[in-house]
Amino acid sequence: MKILVYSLILIALTQVSQAEDTPPIARISLHEATQTILGESSKRVLRATTEIIDGREVHVIKVLTPDGHIIHYKIDAETGELIN
């Protein structure tokens, strides 16, 4: 019985150690992505959502430009990079 308990403790400690070695993932919120797209311009956000596209979280932001055009931006939620 003692061997089983010691084995379970060892497994738990190993899992904690491995979790600490994993680097944190940089995340960007939907609000941060929207603010990045807007910047200092006079664009207007029509819609902003987070979707799963090809297995990854993507912020999709629909913007109205000052000259009346609609542009859809896709931002990777993990890295904050603009997706084409």
N, C-alpha and C. Protein backbone atom coordinates (compact mmCIF):
# COMPACT_ATOMS: atom_id res chain seq x y z
N MET A 1 0.81 -1.19 0.00
CA MET A 1 0.00 0.00 0.00
C MET A 1 0.86 1.27 0.00
N LYS A 2 1.97 1.22 0.80
CA LYS A 2 2.85 2.37 0.86
C LYS A 2 3.49 2.64 -0.50
N ILE A 3 3.80 1.59 -1.22
CA ILE A 3 4.41 1.74 -2.54
C ILE A 3 3.44 2.45 -3.48
N LEU A 4 2.17 2.10 -3.42
CA LEU A 4 1.16 2.73 -4.26
C LEU A 4 1.04 4.22 -3.94
N VAL A 5 1.00 4.56 -2.66
CA VAL A 5 0.90 5.96 -2.25
C VAL A 5 2.12 6.74 -2.71
N TYR A 6 3.32 6.19 -2.50
CA TYR A 6 4.54 6.87 -2.92
C TYR A 6 4.59 7.04 -4.44
N SER A 7 4.10 6.05 -5.17
CA SER A 7 4.07 6.14 -6.64
C SER A 7 3.13 7.25 -7.09
N LEU A 8 1.96 7.35 -6.46
CA LEU A 8 1.01 8.40 -6.82
C LEU A 8 1.58 9.79 -6.50
N ILE A 9 2.26 9.93 -5.38
CA ILE A 9 2.88 11.21 -5.03
C ILE A 9 3.96 11.56 -6.04
N LEU A 10 4.76 10.60 -6.42
CA LEU A 10 5.82 10.83 -7.40
C LEU A 10 5.24 11.26 -8.75
N ILE A 11 4.18 10.62 -9.18
CA ILE A 11 3.53 10.98 -10.45
C ILE A 11 2.98 12.41 -10.38
N ALA A 12 2.34 12.74 -9.26
CA ALA A 12 1.78 14.09 -9.11
C ALA A 12 2.87 15.14 -9.13
N LEU A 13 3.98 14.89 -8.44
CA LEU A 13 5.08 15.85 -8.42
C LEU A 13 5.71 16.00 -9.80
N THR A 14 5.78 14.93 -10.56
CA THR A 14 6.33 14.99 -11.91
C THR A 14 5.44 15.85 -12.81
N GLN A 15 4.11 15.70 -12.68
CA GLN A 15 3.18 16.50 -13.47
C GLN A 15 3.32 17.98 -13.15
N VAL A 16 3.46 18.34 -11.87
CA VAL A 16 3.62 19.74 -11.47
C VAL A 16 4.91 20.29 -12.03
N SER A 17 5.97 19.52 -11.97
CA SER A 17 7.27 19.96 -12.48
C SER A 17 7.21 20.21 -13.98
N GLN A 18 6.55 19.35 -14.72
CA GLN A 18 6.44 19.52 -16.17
C GLN A 18 5.58 20.73 -16.51
N ALA A 19 4.55 20.99 -15.74
CA ALA A 19 3.68 22.14 -16.00
C ALA A 19 4.43 23.44 -15.79
N GLU A 20 5.35 23.49 -14.83
CA GLU A 20 6.12 24.70 -14.58
C GLU A 20 7.13 24.96 -15.68
N ASP A 21 7.57 23.91 -16.38
CA ASP A 21 8.56 24.06 -17.44
C ASP A 21 7.95 24.56 -18.74
N THR A 22 6.64 24.50 -18.88
CA THR A 22 5.96 24.92 -20.09
C THR A 22 5.90 26.45 -20.13
N PRO A 23 6.41 27.06 -21.21
CA PRO A 23 6.36 28.52 -21.28
C PRO A 23 4.92 29.01 -21.40
N PRO A 24 4.61 30.17 -20.82
CA PRO A 24 3.24 30.69 -20.93
C PRO A 24 2.92 31.07 -22.37
N ILE A 25 1.65 30.89 -22.73
CA ILE A 25 1.20 31.23 -24.08
C ILE A 25 0.74 32.68 -24.08
N ALA A 26 1.24 33.44 -25.03
CA ALA A 26 0.81 34.84 -25.15
C ALA A 26 -0.59 34.84 -25.74
N ARG A 27 -1.50 35.53 -25.09
CA ARG A 27 -2.87 35.61 -25.56
C ARG A 27 -3.23 37.07 -25.78
N ILE A 28 -4.11 37.28 -26.72
CA ILE A 28 -4.62 38.64 -26.95
C ILE A 28 -6.14 38.54 -26.87
N SER A 29 -6.73 39.43 -26.08
CA SER A 29 -8.18 39.41 -25.90
C SER A 29 -8.86 40.01 -27.13
N LEU A 30 -10.16 39.79 -27.23
CA LEU A 30 -10.93 40.36 -28.33
C LEU A 30 -10.89 41.89 -28.25
N HIS A 31 -10.96 42.42 -27.05
CA HIS A 31 -10.89 43.88 -26.87
C HIS A 31 -9.54 44.42 -27.35
N GLU A 32 -8.45 43.76 -26.97
CA GLU A 32 -7.12 44.20 -27.40
C GLU A 32 -6.97 44.13 -28.92
N ALA A 33 -7.49 43.06 -29.52
CA ALA A 33 -7.42 42.92 -30.98
C ALA A 33 -8.20 44.03 -31.66
N THR A 34 -9.37 44.34 -31.13
CA THR A 34 -10.20 45.40 -31.70
C THR A 34 -9.50 46.76 -31.59
N GLN A 35 -8.91 47.04 -30.44
CA GLN A 35 -8.21 48.31 -30.26
C GLN A 35 -7.00 48.42 -31.19
N THR A 36 -6.32 47.30 -31.43
CA THR A 36 -5.18 47.29 -32.35
C THR A 36 -5.64 47.63 -33.76
N ILE A 37 -6.75 47.05 -34.20
CA ILE A 37 -7.27 47.32 -35.54
C ILE A 37 -7.71 48.78 -35.67
N LEU A 38 -8.38 49.29 -34.66
CA LEU A 38 -8.88 50.66 -34.73
C LEU A 38 -7.75 51.68 -34.68
N GLY A 39 -6.77 51.46 -33.82
CA GLY A 39 -5.67 52.41 -33.69
C GLY A 39 -6.20 53.81 -33.44
N GLU A 40 -5.65 54.77 -34.14
CA GLU A 40 -6.07 56.17 -34.01
C GLU A 40 -7.00 56.59 -35.14
N SER A 41 -7.42 55.67 -35.97
CA SER A 41 -8.24 56.01 -37.13
C SER A 41 -9.70 56.22 -36.74
N SER A 42 -10.48 56.64 -37.70
CA SER A 42 -11.91 56.86 -37.45
C SER A 42 -12.75 55.69 -37.98
N LYS A 43 -12.16 54.49 -38.01
CA LYS A 43 -12.93 53.30 -38.40
C LYS A 43 -13.96 53.01 -37.32
N ARG A 44 -15.00 52.27 -37.72
CA ARG A 44 -16.06 51.92 -36.78
C ARG A 44 -16.24 50.40 -36.78
N VAL A 45 -16.24 49.80 -35.61
CA VAL A 45 -16.42 48.34 -35.50
C VAL A 45 -17.90 48.02 -35.65
N LEU A 46 -18.20 47.15 -36.61
CA LEU A 46 -19.58 46.70 -36.81
C LEU A 46 -19.87 45.42 -36.04
N ARG A 47 -18.84 44.56 -35.93
CA ARG A 47 -19.00 43.30 -35.21
C ARG A 47 -17.63 42.77 -34.83
N ALA A 48 -17.54 42.15 -33.67
CA ALA A 48 -16.29 41.52 -33.24
C ALA A 48 -16.64 40.23 -32.50
N THR A 49 -16.14 39.11 -33.00
CA THR A 49 -16.41 37.81 -32.39
C THR A 49 -15.13 36.97 -32.37
N THR A 50 -15.16 35.94 -31.56
CA THR A 50 -14.07 34.97 -31.53
C THR A 50 -14.63 33.65 -32.05
N GLU A 51 -13.93 33.07 -33.02
CA GLU A 51 -14.37 31.83 -33.65
C GLU A 51 -13.22 30.83 -33.68
N ILE A 52 -13.57 29.57 -33.86
CA ILE A 52 -12.55 28.53 -34.07
C ILE A 52 -12.47 28.31 -35.58
N ILE A 53 -11.31 28.60 -36.15
CA ILE A 53 -11.08 28.43 -37.59
C ILE A 53 -9.85 27.56 -37.76
N ASP A 54 -10.01 26.45 -38.46
CA ASP A 54 -8.92 25.49 -38.68
C ASP A 54 -8.26 25.07 -37.37
N GLY A 55 -9.09 24.89 -36.33
CA GLY A 55 -8.59 24.39 -35.06
C GLY A 55 -7.92 25.42 -34.16
N ARG A 56 -7.99 26.68 -34.50
CA ARG A 56 -7.39 27.70 -33.63
C ARG A 56 -8.36 28.85 -33.40
N GLU A 57 -8.19 29.49 -32.24
CA GLU A 57 -9.05 30.63 -31.90
C GLU A 57 -8.66 31.84 -32.73
N VAL A 58 -9.65 32.46 -33.34
CA VAL A 58 -9.41 33.62 -34.20
C VAL A 58 -10.43 34.70 -33.85
N HIS A 59 -9.94 35.92 -33.64
CA HIS A 59 -10.82 37.07 -33.45
C HIS A 59 -11.15 37.63 -34.83
N VAL A 60 -12.44 37.69 -35.15
CA VAL A 60 -12.89 38.21 -36.44
C VAL A 60 -13.55 39.57 -36.16
N ILE A 61 -13.00 40.59 -36.80
CA ILE A 61 -13.46 41.96 -36.55
C ILE A 61 -13.92 42.58 -37.87
N LYS A 62 -15.18 42.98 -37.91
CA LYS A 62 -15.78 43.61 -39.09
C LYS A 62 -15.79 45.11 -38.87
N VAL A 63 -15.14 45.85 -39.78
CA VAL A 63 -14.93 47.29 -39.60
C VAL A 63 -15.49 48.06 -40.80
N LEU A 64 -16.08 49.22 -40.49
CA LEU A 64 -16.53 50.16 -41.52
C LEU A 64 -15.50 51.28 -41.60
N THR A 65 -14.93 51.49 -42.79
CA THR A 65 -13.93 52.54 -42.97
C THR A 65 -14.63 53.88 -43.20
N PRO A 66 -13.90 54.98 -43.04
CA PRO A 66 -14.51 56.31 -43.24
C PRO A 66 -15.08 56.51 -44.65
N ASP A 67 -14.52 55.80 -45.65
CA ASP A 67 -15.03 55.96 -47.02
C ASP A 67 -16.13 54.95 -47.35
N GLY A 68 -16.66 54.24 -46.34
CA GLY A 68 -17.81 53.37 -46.54
C GLY A 68 -17.51 51.93 -46.88
N HIS A 69 -16.26 51.51 -46.92
CA HIS A 69 -15.92 50.12 -47.21
C HIS A 69 -15.98 49.27 -45.94
N ILE A 70 -16.32 48.01 -46.11
CA ILE A 70 -16.33 47.07 -45.00
C ILE A 70 -15.13 46.14 -45.14
N ILE A 71 -14.37 46.00 -44.06
CA ILE A 71 -13.18 45.15 -44.06
C ILE A 71 -13.31 44.16 -42.91
N HIS A 72 -12.98 42.89 -43.19
CA HIS A 72 -12.95 41.85 -42.16
C HIS A 72 -11.49 41.57 -41.81
N TYR A 73 -11.16 41.69 -40.54
CA TYR A 73 -9.82 41.37 -40.06
C TYR A 73 -9.90 40.08 -39.26
N LYS A 74 -8.87 39.26 -39.38
CA LYS A 74 -8.77 38.04 -38.58
C LYS A 74 -7.45 38.10 -37.82
N ILE A 75 -7.55 37.98 -36.49
CA ILE A 75 -6.40 38.06 -35.61
C ILE A 75 -6.28 36.73 -34.86
N ASP A 76 -5.10 36.11 -34.91
CA ASP A 76 -4.85 34.89 -34.16
C ASP A 76 -4.88 35.22 -32.66
N ALA A 77 -5.77 34.57 -31.90
CA ALA A 77 -5.94 34.90 -30.49
C ALA A 77 -4.74 34.47 -29.65
N GLU A 78 -3.97 33.50 -30.12
CA GLU A 78 -2.80 33.05 -29.37
C GLU A 78 -1.61 33.98 -29.54
N THR A 79 -1.39 34.45 -30.77
CA THR A 79 -0.18 35.21 -31.06
C THR A 79 -0.43 36.70 -31.29
N GLY A 80 -1.66 37.05 -31.62
CA GLY A 80 -1.97 38.44 -31.93
C GLY A 80 -1.62 38.84 -33.35
N GLU A 81 -1.22 37.86 -34.16
CA GLU A 81 -0.83 38.17 -35.55
C GLU A 81 -2.06 38.25 -36.45
N LEU A 82 -1.96 39.15 -37.43
CA LEU A 82 -3.01 39.30 -38.44
C LEU A 82 -2.95 38.11 -39.38
N ILE A 83 -4.10 37.49 -39.64
CA ILE A 83 -4.18 36.34 -40.54
C ILE A 83 -4.74 36.83 -41.88
N ASN A 84 -4.13 36.42 -42.96
CA ASN A 84 -4.61 36.82 -44.30
C ASN A 84 -5.78 35.97 -44.73
